[in-house]
Amino acid sequence: MKPYGTYKIRYQRAPEAASPVCAVGGSIVDPIENALRRVATAEYRTQRIVDSLCEEIRGGGERSTLRIRRVFAVPREIFRVELDRPDLGYQRTTLLGRDALEALLESDGVRTAVETTAQSA
C-alpha cells in the first residue's frame, strides 16, 4: 500500500503504444484510420452542439436574446454566440467556426430569431 500523499510524477506509455502502428486486441490499428475516426467524432460533436443551440434558440421565442459576434479573423474565423434566456435564468456562450455558424443559421427558427433581434436593436 502506498503511503498517503504519494503520486506518480509522470505517465509512461506502454511500449506497444509508442509505435505509430499499435497492436490493439490482436489487430493492427492504422494511424490513418485512427485519424479519420477522430475527425468523424469531432464532426459529430460539432453537429450535436449546433443542434442543441438550434433547439434552445427556437424554444426561447421572444423571451430570449441572441448575439453573434466575430471574435477572431486570423488564422481562422471564430464567432461567439451568446444566448440569454431570462425566463430560465440561463446564459449560454459558445464559440463556433465559420462552417458551424453557417450550419446554425441555415435553420429557419434560428434565422427568424436573428432577424427579430436585428430589427429590435
PDB file of N, CA and C in Angstrom:
ATOM      1  N   MET A   1       0.842  -1.174   0.000  1.00  0.00           N
ATOM      2  CA  MET A   1       0.000   0.000   0.000  1.00  0.00           C
ATOM      3  C   MET A   1       0.891   1.243   0.000  1.00  0.00           C
ATOM      4  N   LYS A   2       0.519   2.218  -0.843  1.00  0.00           N
ATOM      5  CA  LYS A   2       1.300   3.445  -0.932  1.00  0.00           C
ATOM      6  C   LYS A   2       0.985   4.340   0.263  1.00  0.00           C
ATOM      7  N   PRO A   3       1.989   5.041   0.759  1.00  0.00           N
ATOM      8  CA  PRO A   3       1.726   5.999   1.833  1.00  0.00           C
ATOM      9  C   PRO A   3       0.856   7.152   1.327  1.00  0.00           C
ATOM     10  N   TYR A   4       0.142   7.767   2.225  1.00  0.00           N
ATOM     11  CA  TYR A   4      -0.738   8.879   1.894  1.00  0.00           C
ATOM     12  C   TYR A   4       0.063  10.018   1.257  1.00  0.00           C
ATOM     13  N   GLY A   5      -0.448  10.574   0.158  1.00  0.00           N
ATOM     14  CA  GLY A   5       0.182  11.727  -0.471  1.00  0.00           C
ATOM     15  C   GLY A   5       1.223  11.398  -1.518  1.00  0.00           C
ATOM     16  N   THR A   6       1.376  10.123  -1.894  1.00  0.00           N
ATOM     17  CA  THR A   6       2.334   9.788  -2.949  1.00  0.00           C
ATOM     18  C   THR A   6       1.584   9.627  -4.267  1.00  0.00           C
ATOM     19  N   TYR A   7       2.147  10.213  -5.308  1.00  0.00           N
ATOM     20  CA  TYR A   7       1.522  10.188  -6.623  1.00  0.00           C
ATOM     21  C   TYR A   7       2.574   9.911  -7.681  1.00  0.00           C
ATOM     22  N   LYS A   8       2.130   9.400  -8.805  1.00  0.00           N
ATOM     23  CA  LYS A   8       3.026   9.234  -9.938  1.00  0.00           C
ATOM     24  C   LYS A   8       3.411  10.607 -10.459  1.00  0.00           C
ATOM     25  N   ILE A   9       4.676  10.776 -10.795  1.00  0.00           N
ATOM     26  CA  ILE A   9       5.119  12.073 -11.291  1.00  0.00           C
ATOM     27  C   ILE A   9       4.804  12.225 -12.768  1.00  0.00           C
ATOM     28  N   ARG A  10       4.925  11.179 -13.544  1.00  0.00           N
ATOM     29  CA  ARG A  10       4.607  11.264 -14.966  1.00  0.00           C
ATOM     30  C   ARG A  10       4.015   9.952 -15.435  1.00  0.00           C
ATOM     31  N   TYR A  11       3.309  10.079 -16.519  1.00  0.00           N
ATOM     32  CA  TYR A  11       2.669   8.910 -17.107  1.00  0.00           C
ATOM     33  C   TYR A  11       3.605   8.312 -18.133  1.00  0.00           C
ATOM     34  N   GLN A  12       3.784   7.012 -18.107  1.00  0.00           N
ATOM     35  CA  GLN A  12       4.627   6.343 -19.082  1.00  0.00           C
ATOM     36  C   GLN A  12       3.759   5.422 -19.920  1.00  0.00           C
ATOM     37  N   ARG A  13       3.855   5.610 -21.248  1.00  0.00           N
ATOM     38  CA  ARG A  13       3.073   4.774 -22.151  1.00  0.00           C
ATOM     39  C   ARG A  13       3.643   3.370 -22.206  1.00  0.00           C
ATOM     40  N   ALA A  14       2.779   2.437 -22.501  1.00  0.00           N
ATOM     41  CA  ALA A  14       3.223   1.058 -22.699  1.00  0.00           C
ATOM     42  C   ALA A  14       4.078   1.004 -23.967  1.00  0.00           C
ATOM     43  N   PRO A  15       5.059   0.114 -24.045  1.00  0.00           N
ATOM     44  CA  PRO A  15       5.952   0.071 -25.205  1.00  0.00           C
ATOM     45  C   PRO A  15       5.210  -0.150 -26.528  1.00  0.00           C
ATOM     46  N   GLU A  16       4.141  -0.933 -26.539  1.00  0.00           N
ATOM     47  CA  GLU A  16       3.418  -1.178 -27.786  1.00  0.00           C
ATOM     48  C   GLU A  16       2.643   0.053 -28.255  1.00  0.00           C
ATOM     49  N   ALA A  17       2.347   0.998 -27.343  1.00  0.00           N
ATOM     50  CA  ALA A  17       1.620   2.198 -27.716  1.00  0.00           C
ATOM     51  C   ALA A  17       2.548   3.283 -28.254  1.00  0.00           C
ATOM     52  N   ALA A  18       3.866   3.069 -28.175  1.00  0.00           N
ATOM     53  CA  ALA A  18       4.813   4.080 -28.618  1.00  0.00           C
ATOM     54  C   ALA A  18       4.963   4.116 -30.134  1.00  0.00           C
ATOM     55  N   SER A  19       4.700   3.021 -30.813  1.00  0.00           N
ATOM     56  CA  SER A  19       4.865   2.995 -32.264  1.00  0.00           C
ATOM     57  C   SER A  19       3.619   3.531 -32.952  1.00  0.00           C
ATOM     58  N   PRO A  20       3.747   4.073 -34.205  1.00  0.00           N
ATOM     59  CA  PRO A  20       2.579   4.609 -34.899  1.00  0.00           C
ATOM     60  C   PRO A  20       1.556   3.547 -35.242  1.00  0.00           C
ATOM     61  N   VAL A  21       1.999   2.317 -35.487  1.00  0.00           N
ATOM     62  CA  VAL A  21       1.062   1.233 -35.761  1.00  0.00           C
ATOM     63  C   VAL A  21       1.042   0.364 -34.513  1.00  0.00           C
ATOM     64  N   CYS A  22      -0.058   0.424 -33.776  1.00  0.00           N
ATOM     65  CA  CYS A  22      -0.144  -0.239 -32.479  1.00  0.00           C
ATOM     66  C   CYS A  22      -0.944  -1.527 -32.592  1.00  0.00           C
ATOM     67  N   ALA A  23      -0.565  -2.471 -31.801  1.00  0.00           N
ATOM     68  CA  ALA A  23      -1.323  -3.708 -31.729  1.00  0.00           C
ATOM     69  C   ALA A  23      -2.363  -3.561 -30.638  1.00  0.00           C
ATOM     70  N   VAL A  24      -3.641  -3.610 -31.016  1.00  0.00           N
ATOM     71  CA  VAL A  24      -4.723  -3.475 -30.053  1.00  0.00           C
ATOM     72  C   VAL A  24      -5.613  -4.685 -30.190  1.00  0.00           C
ATOM     73  N   GLY A  25      -5.682  -5.471 -29.163  1.00  0.00           N
ATOM     74  CA  GLY A  25      -6.558  -6.636 -29.163  1.00  0.00           C
ATOM     75  C   GLY A  25      -6.225  -7.630 -30.263  1.00  0.00           C
ATOM     76  N   GLY A  26      -4.949  -7.742 -30.628  1.00  0.00           N
ATOM     77  CA  GLY A  26      -4.561  -8.710 -31.634  1.00  0.00           C
ATOM     78  C   GLY A  26      -4.646  -8.179 -33.059  1.00  0.00           C
ATOM     79  N   SER A  27      -5.216  -6.993 -33.274  1.00  0.00           N
ATOM     80  CA  SER A  27      -5.289  -6.433 -34.620  1.00  0.00           C
ATOM     81  C   SER A  27      -4.413  -5.188 -34.698  1.00  0.00           C
ATOM     82  N   ILE A  28      -4.033  -4.819 -35.894  1.00  0.00           N
ATOM     83  CA  ILE A  28      -3.186  -3.646 -36.089  1.00  0.00           C
ATOM     84  C   ILE A  28      -4.069  -2.461 -36.452  1.00  0.00           C
ATOM     85  N   VAL A  29      -3.889  -1.334 -35.737  1.00  0.00           N
ATOM     86  CA  VAL A  29      -4.663  -0.123 -35.974  1.00  0.00           C
ATOM     87  C   VAL A  29      -3.855   0.783 -36.894  1.00  0.00           C
ATOM     88  N   ASP A  30      -4.447   1.142 -38.014  1.00  0.00           N
ATOM     89  CA  ASP A  30      -3.796   2.024 -38.972  1.00  0.00           C
ATOM     90  C   ASP A  30      -3.912   3.466 -38.476  1.00  0.00           C
ATOM     91  N   PRO A  31      -2.819   4.236 -38.467  1.00  0.00           N
ATOM     92  CA  PRO A  31      -2.900   5.613 -37.977  1.00  0.00           C
ATOM     93  C   PRO A  31      -3.812   6.493 -38.833  1.00  0.00           C
ATOM     94  N   ILE A  32      -3.919   6.199 -40.115  1.00  0.00           N
ATOM     95  CA  ILE A  32      -4.808   6.981 -40.975  1.00  0.00           C
ATOM     96  C   ILE A  32      -6.265   6.718 -40.611  1.00  0.00           C
ATOM     97  N   GLU A  33      -6.619   5.469 -40.395  1.00  0.00           N
ATOM     98  CA  GLU A  33      -7.984   5.149 -39.968  1.00  0.00           C
ATOM     99  C   GLU A  33      -8.285   5.758 -38.617  1.00  0.00           C
ATOM    100  N   ASN A  34      -7.308   5.752 -37.737  1.00  0.00           N
ATOM    101  CA  ASN A  34      -7.486   6.344 -36.419  1.00  0.00           C
ATOM    102  C   ASN A  34      -7.725   7.851 -36.535  1.00  0.00           C
ATOM    103  N   ALA A  35      -6.975   8.530 -37.404  1.00  0.00           N
ATOM    104  CA  ALA A  35      -7.160   9.969 -37.612  1.00  0.00           C
ATOM    105  C   ALA A  35      -8.521  10.260 -38.223  1.00  0.00           C
ATOM    106  N   LEU A  36      -8.943   9.451 -39.177  1.00  0.00           N
ATOM    107  CA  LEU A  36     -10.266   9.632 -39.789  1.00  0.00           C
ATOM    108  C   LEU A  36     -11.379   9.434 -38.774  1.00  0.00           C
ATOM    109  N   ARG A  37     -11.206   8.490 -37.880  1.00  0.00           N
ATOM    110  CA  ARG A  37     -12.200   8.247 -36.835  1.00  0.00           C
ATOM    111  C   ARG A  37     -12.291   9.457 -35.899  1.00  0.00           C
ATOM    112  N   ARG A  38     -11.131  10.057 -35.564  1.00  0.00           N
ATOM    113  CA  ARG A  38     -11.135  11.248 -34.705  1.00  0.00           C
ATOM    114  C   ARG A  38     -11.810  12.426 -35.402  1.00  0.00           C
ATOM    115  N   VAL A  39     -11.581  12.585 -36.703  1.00  0.00           N
ATOM    116  CA  VAL A  39     -12.218  13.670 -37.451  1.00  0.00           C
ATOM    117  C   VAL A  39     -13.730  13.469 -37.487  1.00  0.00           C
ATOM    118  N   ALA A  40     -14.161  12.241 -37.733  1.00  0.00           N
ATOM    119  CA  ALA A  40     -15.599  11.949 -37.768  1.00  0.00           C
ATOM    120  C   ALA A  40     -16.240  12.198 -36.404  1.00  0.00           C
ATOM    121  N   THR A  41     -15.550  11.839 -35.335  1.00  0.00           N
ATOM    122  CA  THR A  41     -16.065  12.074 -33.991  1.00  0.00           C
ATOM    123  C   THR A  41     -16.185  13.578 -33.718  1.00  0.00           C
ATOM    124  N   ALA A  42     -15.200  14.354 -34.158  1.00  0.00           N
ATOM    125  CA  ALA A  42     -15.244  15.804 -33.960  1.00  0.00           C
ATOM    126  C   ALA A  42     -16.396  16.421 -34.758  1.00  0.00           C
ATOM    127  N   GLU A  43     -16.616  15.955 -35.981  1.00  0.00           N
ATOM    128  CA  GLU A  43     -17.723  16.463 -36.791  1.00  0.00           C
ATOM    129  C   GLU A  43     -19.069  16.139 -36.142  1.00  0.00           C
ATOM    130  N   TYR A  44     -19.208  14.933 -35.608  1.00  0.00           N
ATOM    131  CA  TYR A  44     -20.439  14.531 -34.937  1.00  0.00           C
ATOM    132  C   TYR A  44     -20.689  15.400 -33.703  1.00  0.00           C
ATOM    133  N   ARG A  45     -19.623  15.678 -32.957  1.00  0.00           N
ATOM    134  CA  ARG A  45     -19.749  16.509 -31.753  1.00  0.00           C
ATOM    135  C   ARG A  45     -20.161  17.934 -32.133  1.00  0.00           C
ATOM    136  N   THR A  46     -19.563  18.467 -33.192  1.00  0.00           N
ATOM    137  CA  THR A  46     -19.923  19.809 -33.650  1.00  0.00           C
ATOM    138  C   THR A  46     -21.383  19.862 -34.060  1.00  0.00           C
ATOM    139  N   GLN A  47     -21.847  18.835 -34.762  1.00  0.00           N
ATOM    140  CA  GLN A  47     -23.245  18.806 -35.190  1.00  0.00           C
ATOM    141  C   GLN A  47     -24.192  18.738 -33.996  1.00  0.00           C
ATOM    142  N   ARG A  48     -23.824  17.996 -32.973  1.00  0.00           N
ATOM    143  CA  ARG A  48     -24.658  17.935 -31.764  1.00  0.00           C
ATOM    144  C   ARG A  48     -24.739  19.288 -31.078  1.00  0.00           C
ATOM    145  N   ILE A  49     -23.623  20.035 -31.026  1.00  0.00           N
ATOM    146  CA  ILE A  49     -23.623  21.364 -30.418  1.00  0.00           C
ATOM    147  C   ILE A  49     -24.512  22.308 -31.205  1.00  0.00           C
ATOM    148  N   VAL A  50     -24.415  22.270 -32.543  1.00  0.00           N
ATOM    149  CA  VAL A  50     -25.239  23.131 -33.388  1.00  0.00           C
ATOM    150  C   VAL A  50     -26.712  22.783 -33.224  1.00  0.00           C
ATOM    151  N   ASP A  51     -27.036  21.496 -33.187  1.00  0.00           N
ATOM    152  CA  ASP A  51     -28.434  21.077 -32.989  1.00  0.00           C
ATOM    153  C   ASP A  51     -28.963  21.540 -31.634  1.00  0.00           C
ATOM    154  N   SER A  52     -28.136  21.445 -30.604  1.00  0.00           N
ATOM    155  CA  SER A  52     -28.544  21.882 -29.272  1.00  0.00           C
ATOM    156  C   SER A  52     -28.808  23.389 -29.246  1.00  0.00           C
ATOM    157  N   LEU A  53     -27.934  24.157 -29.892  1.00  0.00           N
ATOM    158  CA  LEU A  53     -28.154  25.602 -29.976  1.00  0.00           C
ATOM    159  C   LEU A  53     -29.437  25.924 -30.725  1.00  0.00           C
ATOM    160  N   CYS A  54     -29.691  25.217 -31.817  1.00  0.00           N
ATOM    161  CA  CYS A  54     -30.926  25.441 -32.590  1.00  0.00           C
ATOM    162  C   CYS A  54     -32.155  25.223 -31.727  1.00  0.00           C
ATOM    163  N   GLU A  55     -32.162  24.138 -30.981  1.00  0.00           N
ATOM    164  CA  GLU A  55     -33.312  23.832 -30.125  1.00  0.00           C
ATOM    165  C   GLU A  55     -33.510  24.903 -29.058  1.00  0.00           C
ATOM    166  N   GLU A  56     -32.421  25.352 -28.441  1.00  0.00           N
ATOM    167  CA  GLU A  56     -32.545  26.368 -27.396  1.00  0.00           C
ATOM    168  C   GLU A  56     -33.011  27.703 -27.958  1.00  0.00           C
ATOM    169  N   ILE A  57     -32.532  28.062 -29.138  1.00  0.00           N
ATOM    170  CA  ILE A  57     -32.940  29.331 -29.745  1.00  0.00           C
ATOM    171  C   ILE A  57     -34.406  29.279 -30.152  1.00  0.00           C
ATOM    172  N   ARG A  58     -34.817  28.174 -30.768  1.00  0.00           N
ATOM    173  CA  ARG A  58     -36.221  28.025 -31.176  1.00  0.00           C
ATOM    174  C   ARG A  58     -37.143  27.957 -29.969  1.00  0.00           C
ATOM    175  N   GLY A  59     -36.699  27.334 -28.897  1.00  0.00           N
ATOM    176  CA  GLY A  59     -37.528  27.170 -27.707  1.00  0.00           C
ATOM    177  C   GLY A  59     -37.676  28.448 -26.890  1.00  0.00           C
ATOM    178  N   GLY A  60     -36.794  29.409 -27.085  1.00  0.00           N
ATOM    179  CA  GLY A  60     -36.820  30.634 -26.296  1.00  0.00           C
ATOM    180  C   GLY A  60     -37.878  31.635 -26.723  1.00  0.00           C
ATOM    181  N   GLY A  61     -38.203  31.639 -28.009  1.00  0.00           N
ATOM    182  CA  GLY A  61     -39.185  32.594 -28.507  1.00  0.00           C
ATOM    183  C   GLY A  61     -38.713  34.022 -28.341  1.00  0.00           C
ATOM    184  N   GLU A  62     -39.647  34.908 -28.008  1.00  0.00           N
ATOM    185  CA  GLU A  62     -39.321  36.326 -27.871  1.00  0.00           C
ATOM    186  C   GLU A  62     -38.633  36.637 -26.549  1.00  0.00           C
ATOM    187  N   ARG A  63     -38.662  35.718 -25.603  1.00  0.00           N
ATOM    188  CA  ARG A  63     -38.047  35.968 -24.304  1.00  0.00           C
ATOM    189  C   ARG A  63     -36.523  35.884 -24.362  1.00  0.00           C
ATOM    190  N   SER A  64     -35.993  35.235 -25.374  1.00  0.00           N
ATOM    191  CA  SER A  64     -34.545  35.039 -25.424  1.00  0.00           C
ATOM    192  C   SER A  64     -33.869  36.142 -26.229  1.00  0.00           C
ATOM    193  N   THR A  65     -32.603  36.367 -25.907  1.00  0.00           N
ATOM    194  CA  THR A  65     -31.775  37.338 -26.603  1.00  0.00           C
ATOM    195  C   THR A  65     -30.610  36.598 -27.225  1.00  0.00           C
ATOM    196  N   LEU A  66     -30.345  36.876 -28.483  1.00  0.00           N
ATOM    197  CA  LEU A  66     -29.278  36.195 -29.208  1.00  0.00           C
ATOM    198  C   LEU A  66     -28.317  37.239 -29.765  1.00  0.00           C
ATOM    199  N   ARG A  67     -27.015  37.037 -29.503  1.00  0.00           N
ATOM    200  CA  ARG A  67     -25.989  37.917 -30.065  1.00  0.00           C
ATOM    201  C   ARG A  67     -24.923  37.054 -30.712  1.00  0.00           C
ATOM    202  N   ILE A  68     -24.500  37.450 -31.915  1.00  0.00           N
ATOM    203  CA  ILE A  68     -23.437  36.746 -32.624  1.00  0.00           C
ATOM    204  C   ILE A  68     -22.375  37.777 -32.981  1.00  0.00           C
ATOM    205  N   ARG A  69     -21.143  37.525 -32.545  1.00  0.00           N
ATOM    206  CA  ARG A  69     -20.048  38.447 -32.818  1.00  0.00           C
ATOM    207  C   ARG A  69     -18.830  37.681 -33.305  1.00  0.00           C
ATOM    208  N   ARG A  70     -18.073  38.296 -34.217  1.00  0.00           N
ATOM    209  CA  ARG A  70     -16.823  37.680 -34.652  1.00  0.00           C
ATOM    210  C   ARG A  70     -15.739  38.042 -33.648  1.00  0.00           C
ATOM    211  N   VAL A  71     -15.056  37.024 -33.141  1.00  0.00           N
ATOM    212  CA  VAL A  71     -14.029  37.228 -32.132  1.00  0.00           C
ATOM    213  C   VAL A  71     -12.652  37.282 -32.790  1.00  0.00           C
ATOM    214  N   PHE A  72     -12.365  36.325 -33.671  1.00  0.00           N
ATOM    215  CA  PHE A  72     -11.087  36.267 -34.371  1.00  0.00           C
ATOM    216  C   PHE A  72     -11.332  36.177 -35.865  1.00  0.00           C
ATOM    217  N   ALA A  73     -10.442  36.784 -36.638  1.00  0.00           N
ATOM    218  CA  ALA A  73     -10.499  36.664 -38.094  1.00  0.00           C
ATOM    219  C   ALA A  73      -9.315  35.865 -38.619  1.00  0.00           C
ATOM    220  N   VAL A  74      -8.177  35.928 -37.940  1.00  0.00           N
ATOM    221  CA  VAL A  74      -6.960  35.258 -38.380  1.00  0.00           C
ATOM    222  C   VAL A  74      -6.429  34.436 -37.222  1.00  0.00           C
ATOM    223  N   PRO A  75      -5.957  33.281 -37.348  1.00  0.00           N
ATOM    224  CA  PRO A  75      -5.764  32.473 -38.537  1.00  0.00           C
ATOM    225  C   PRO A  75      -7.041  31.785 -39.016  1.00  0.00           C
ATOM    226  N   ARG A  76      -8.074  31.813 -38.187  1.00  0.00           N
ATOM    227  CA  ARG A  76      -9.338  31.190 -38.552  1.00  0.00           C
ATOM    228  C   ARG A  76     -10.457  32.012 -37.944  1.00  0.00           C
ATOM    229  N   GLU A  77     -11.559  32.157 -38.666  1.00  0.00           N
ATOM    230  CA  GLU A  77     -12.675  32.937 -38.141  1.00  0.00           C
ATOM    231  C   GLU A  77     -13.371  32.173 -37.021  1.00  0.00           C
ATOM    232  N   ILE A  78     -13.506  32.841 -35.895  1.00  0.00           N
ATOM    233  CA  ILE A  78     -14.202  32.273 -34.736  1.00  0.00           C
ATOM    234  C   ILE A  78     -15.294  33.249 -34.341  1.00  0.00           C
ATOM    235  N   PHE A  79     -16.500  32.731 -34.104  1.00  0.00           N
ATOM    236  CA  PHE A  79     -17.641  33.558 -33.735  1.00  0.00           C
ATOM    237  C   PHE A  79     -18.113  33.171 -32.340  1.00  0.00           C
ATOM    238  N   ARG A  80     -18.566  34.176 -31.608  1.00  0.00           N
ATOM    239  CA  ARG A  80     -19.099  33.974 -30.261  1.00  0.00           C
ATOM    240  C   ARG A  80     -20.613  34.097 -30.344  1.00  0.00           C
ATOM    241  N   VAL A  81     -21.313  33.042 -29.941  1.00  0.00           N
ATOM    242  CA  VAL A  81     -22.777  33.022 -29.954  1.00  0.00           C
ATOM    243  C   VAL A  81     -23.233  33.075 -28.501  1.00  0.00           C
ATOM    244  N   GLU A  82     -23.943  34.155 -28.152  1.00  0.00           N
ATOM    245  CA  GLU A  82     -24.428  34.336 -26.781  1.00  0.00           C
ATOM    246  C   GLU A  82     -25.946  34.219 -26.780  1.00  0.00           C
ATOM    247  N   LEU A  83     -26.453  33.338 -25.968  1.00  0.00           N
ATOM    248  CA  LEU A  83     -27.885  33.129 -25.836  1.00  0.00           C
ATOM    249  C   LEU A  83     -28.271  33.418 -24.397  1.00  0.00           C
ATOM    250  N   ASP A  84     -29.236  34.302 -24.216  1.00  0.00           N
ATOM    251  CA  ASP A  84     -29.692  34.690 -22.886  1.00  0.00           C
ATOM    252  C   ASP A  84     -31.165  34.339 -22.767  1.00  0.00           C
ATOM    253  N   ARG A  85     -31.515  33.525 -21.780  1.00  0.00           N
ATOM    254  CA  ARG A  85     -32.898  33.142 -21.512  1.00  0.00           C
ATOM    255  C   ARG A  85     -33.268  33.611 -20.115  1.00  0.00           C
ATOM    256  N   PRO A  86     -33.770  34.856 -19.960  1.00  0.00           N
ATOM    257  CA  PRO A  86     -34.088  35.365 -18.619  1.00  0.00           C
ATOM    258  C   PRO A  86     -35.222  34.612 -17.946  1.00  0.00           C
ATOM    259  N   ASP A  87     -36.123  34.011 -18.730  1.00  0.00           N
ATOM    260  CA  ASP A  87     -37.214  33.250 -18.120  1.00  0.00           C
ATOM    261  C   ASP A  87     -36.701  32.026 -17.376  1.00  0.00           C
ATOM    262  N   LEU A  88     -35.556  31.506 -17.791  1.00  0.00           N
ATOM    263  CA  LEU A  88     -34.971  30.348 -17.121  1.00  0.00           C
ATOM    264  C   LEU A  88     -33.765  30.728 -16.263  1.00  0.00           C
ATOM    265  N   GLY A  89     -33.357  32.006 -16.320  1.00  0.00           N
ATOM    266  CA  GLY A  89     -32.152  32.416 -15.606  1.00  0.00           C
ATOM    267  C   GLY A  89     -30.932  31.724 -16.185  1.00  0.00           C
ATOM    268  N   TYR A  90     -30.853  31.683 -17.500  1.00  0.00           N
ATOM    269  CA  TYR A  90     -29.866  30.857 -18.188  1.00  0.00           C
ATOM    270  C   TYR A  90     -29.128  31.677 -19.235  1.00  0.00           C
ATOM    271  N   GLN A  91     -27.811  31.540 -19.264  1.00  0.00           N
ATOM    272  CA  GLN A  91     -26.990  32.153 -20.301  1.00  0.00           C
ATOM    273  C   GLN A  91     -26.054  31.100 -20.863  1.00  0.00           C
ATOM    274  N   ARG A  92     -25.894  31.131 -22.185  1.00  0.00           N
ATOM    275  CA  ARG A  92     -25.006  30.169 -22.837  1.00  0.00           C
ATOM    276  C   ARG A  92     -24.119  30.918 -23.809  1.00  0.00           C
ATOM    277  N   THR A  93     -22.831  30.677 -23.740  1.00  0.00           N
ATOM    278  CA  THR A  93     -21.870  31.258 -24.661  1.00  0.00           C
ATOM    279  C   THR A  93     -21.134  30.114 -25.337  1.00  0.00           C
ATOM    280  N   THR A  94     -21.120  30.135 -26.666  1.00  0.00           N
ATOM    281  CA  THR A  94     -20.492  29.080 -27.441  1.00  0.00           C
ATOM    282  C   THR A  94     -19.614  29.706 -28.503  1.00  0.00           C
ATOM    283  N   LEU A  95     -18.423  29.158 -28.696  1.00  0.00           N
ATOM    284  CA  LEU A  95     -17.528  29.601 -29.763  1.00  0.00           C
ATOM    285  C   LEU A  95     -17.669  28.641 -30.932  1.00  0.00           C
ATOM    286  N   LEU A  96     -17.902  29.202 -32.114  1.00  0.00           N
ATOM    287  CA  LEU A  96     -18.097  28.386 -33.316  1.00  0.00           C
ATOM    288  C   LEU A  96     -17.218  28.887 -34.449  1.00  0.00           C
ATOM    289  N   GLY A  97     -16.835  27.973 -35.327  1.00  0.00           N
ATOM    290  CA  GLY A  97     -16.134  28.336 -36.548  1.00  0.00           C
ATOM    291  C   GLY A  97     -17.139  28.785 -37.609  1.00  0.00           C
ATOM    292  N   ARG A  98     -16.626  29.246 -38.733  1.00  0.00           N
ATOM    293  CA  ARG A  98     -17.477  29.756 -39.813  1.00  0.00           C
ATOM    294  C   ARG A  98     -18.445  28.686 -40.313  1.00  0.00           C
ATOM    295  N   ASP A  99     -17.979  27.472 -40.546  1.00  0.00           N
ATOM    296  CA  ASP A  99     -18.844  26.400 -41.067  1.00  0.00           C
ATOM    297  C   ASP A  99     -19.961  26.055 -40.093  1.00  0.00           C
ATOM    298  N   ALA A 100     -19.636  25.959 -38.812  1.00  0.00           N
ATOM    299  CA  ALA A 100     -20.647  25.631 -37.810  1.00  0.00           C
ATOM    300  C   ALA A 100     -21.675  26.756 -37.679  1.00  0.00           C
ATOM    301  N   LEU A 101     -21.218  28.008 -37.770  1.00  0.00           N
ATOM    302  CA  LEU A 101     -22.149  29.135 -37.693  1.00  0.00           C
ATOM    303  C   LEU A 101     -23.089  29.138 -38.888  1.00  0.00           C
ATOM    304  N   GLU A 102     -22.562  28.858 -40.078  1.00  0.00           N
ATOM    305  CA  GLU A 102     -23.427  28.796 -41.259  1.00  0.00           C
ATOM    306  C   GLU A 102     -24.443  27.668 -41.135  1.00  0.00           C
ATOM    307  N   ALA A 103     -24.021  26.529 -40.572  1.00  0.00           N
ATOM    308  CA  ALA A 103     -24.964  25.427 -40.354  1.00  0.00           C
ATOM    309  C   ALA A 103     -26.038  25.837 -39.350  1.00  0.00           C
ATOM    310  N   LEU A 104     -25.658  26.606 -38.339  1.00  0.00           N
ATOM    311  CA  LEU A 104     -26.621  27.084 -37.346  1.00  0.00           C
ATOM    312  C   LEU A 104     -27.623  28.038 -37.977  1.00  0.00           C
ATOM    313  N   LEU A 105     -27.151  28.944 -38.826  1.00  0.00           N
ATOM    314  CA  LEU A 105     -28.021  29.948 -39.432  1.00  0.00           C
ATOM    315  C   LEU A 105     -28.895  29.397 -40.556  1.00  0.00           C
ATOM    316  N   GLU A 106     -28.630  28.181 -41.019  1.00  0.00           N
ATOM    317  CA  GLU A 106     -29.465  27.570 -42.056  1.00  0.00           C
ATOM    318  C   GLU A 106     -30.837  27.179 -41.526  1.00  0.00           C
ATOM    319  N   SER A 107     -30.952  26.985 -40.233  1.00  0.00           N
ATOM    320  CA  SER A 107     -32.221  26.608 -39.625  1.00  0.00           C
ATOM    321  C   SER A 107     -33.192  27.792 -39.673  1.00  0.00           C
ATOM    322  N   ASP A 108     -34.448  27.529 -40.036  1.00  0.00           N
ATOM    323  CA  ASP A 108     -35.451  28.594 -40.178  1.00  0.00           C
ATOM    324  C   ASP A 108     -35.729  29.299 -38.852  1.00  0.00           C
ATOM    325  N   GLY A 109     -35.864  28.556 -37.775  1.00  0.00           N
ATOM    326  CA  GLY A 109     -36.157  29.160 -36.476  1.00  0.00           C
ATOM    327  C   GLY A 109     -35.045  30.067 -36.003  1.00  0.00           C
ATOM    328  N   VAL A 110     -33.807  29.672 -36.263  1.00  0.00           N
ATOM    329  CA  VAL A 110     -32.663  30.485 -35.853  1.00  0.00           C
ATOM    330  C   VAL A 110     -32.586  31.732 -36.720  1.00  0.00           C
ATOM    331  N   ARG A 111     -32.803  31.583 -38.010  1.00  0.00           N
ATOM    332  CA  ARG A 111     -32.771  32.727 -38.924  1.00  0.00           C
ATOM    333  C   ARG A 111     -33.818  33.769 -38.511  1.00  0.00           C
ATOM    334  N   THR A 112     -35.017  33.300 -38.141  1.00  0.00           N
ATOM    335  CA  THR A 112     -36.076  34.202 -37.697  1.00  0.00           C
ATOM    336  C   THR A 112     -35.666  34.917 -36.413  1.00  0.00           C
ATOM    337  N   ALA A 113     -35.052  34.196 -35.477  1.00  0.00           N
ATOM    338  CA  ALA A 113     -34.622  34.798 -34.208  1.00  0.00           C
ATOM    339  C   ALA A 113     -33.549  35.855 -34.449  1.00  0.00           C
ATOM    340  N   VAL A 114     -32.643  35.608 -35.377  1.00  0.00           N
ATOM    341  CA  VAL A 114     -31.590  36.576 -35.672  1.00  0.00           C
ATOM    342  C   VAL A 114     -32.193  37.818 -36.318  1.00  0.00           C
ATOM    343  N   GLU A 115     -33.137  37.637 -37.233  1.00  0.00           N
ATOM    344  CA  GLU A 115     -33.776  38.774 -37.878  1.00  0.00           C
ATOM    345  C   GLU A 115     -34.605  39.590 -36.896  1.00  0.00           C
ATOM    346  N   THR A 116     -35.284  38.918 -35.974  1.00  0.00           N
ATOM    347  CA  THR A 116     -36.088  39.612 -34.952  1.00  0.00           C
ATOM    348  C   THR A 116     -35.167  40.424 -34.036  1.00  0.00           C
ATOM    349  N   THR A 117     -34.033  39.854 -33.659  1.00  0.00           N
ATOM    350  CA  THR A 117     -33.085  40.552 -32.796  1.00  0.00           C
ATOM    351  C   THR A 117     -32.502  41.773 -33.517  1.00  0.00           C
ATOM    352  N   ALA A 118     -32.217  41.633 -34.799  1.00  0.00           N
ATOM    353  CA  ALA A 118     -31.650  42.748 -35.561  1.00  0.00           C
ATOM    354  C   ALA A 118     -32.669  43.882 -35.718  1.00  0.00           C
ATOM    355  N   GLN A 119     -33.952  43.570 -35.861  1.00  0.00           N
ATOM    356  CA  GLN A 119     -34.978  44.586 -36.004  1.00  0.00           C
ATOM    357  C   GLN A 119     -35.224  45.339 -34.709  1.00  0.00           C
ATOM    358  N   SER A 120     -35.131  44.635 -33.583  1.00  0.00           N
ATOM    359  CA  SER A 120     -35.397  45.284 -32.297  1.00  0.00           C
ATOM    360  C   SER A 120     -34.225  46.133 -31.826  1.00  0.00           C
ATOM    361  N   ALA A 121     -33.038  45.909 -32.372  1.00  0.00           N
ATOM    362  CA  ALA A 121     -31.841  46.673 -31.957  1.00  0.00           C
ATOM    363  C   ALA A 121     -31.768  48.034 -32.608  1.00  0.00           C
TER     364      ALA A 121
END
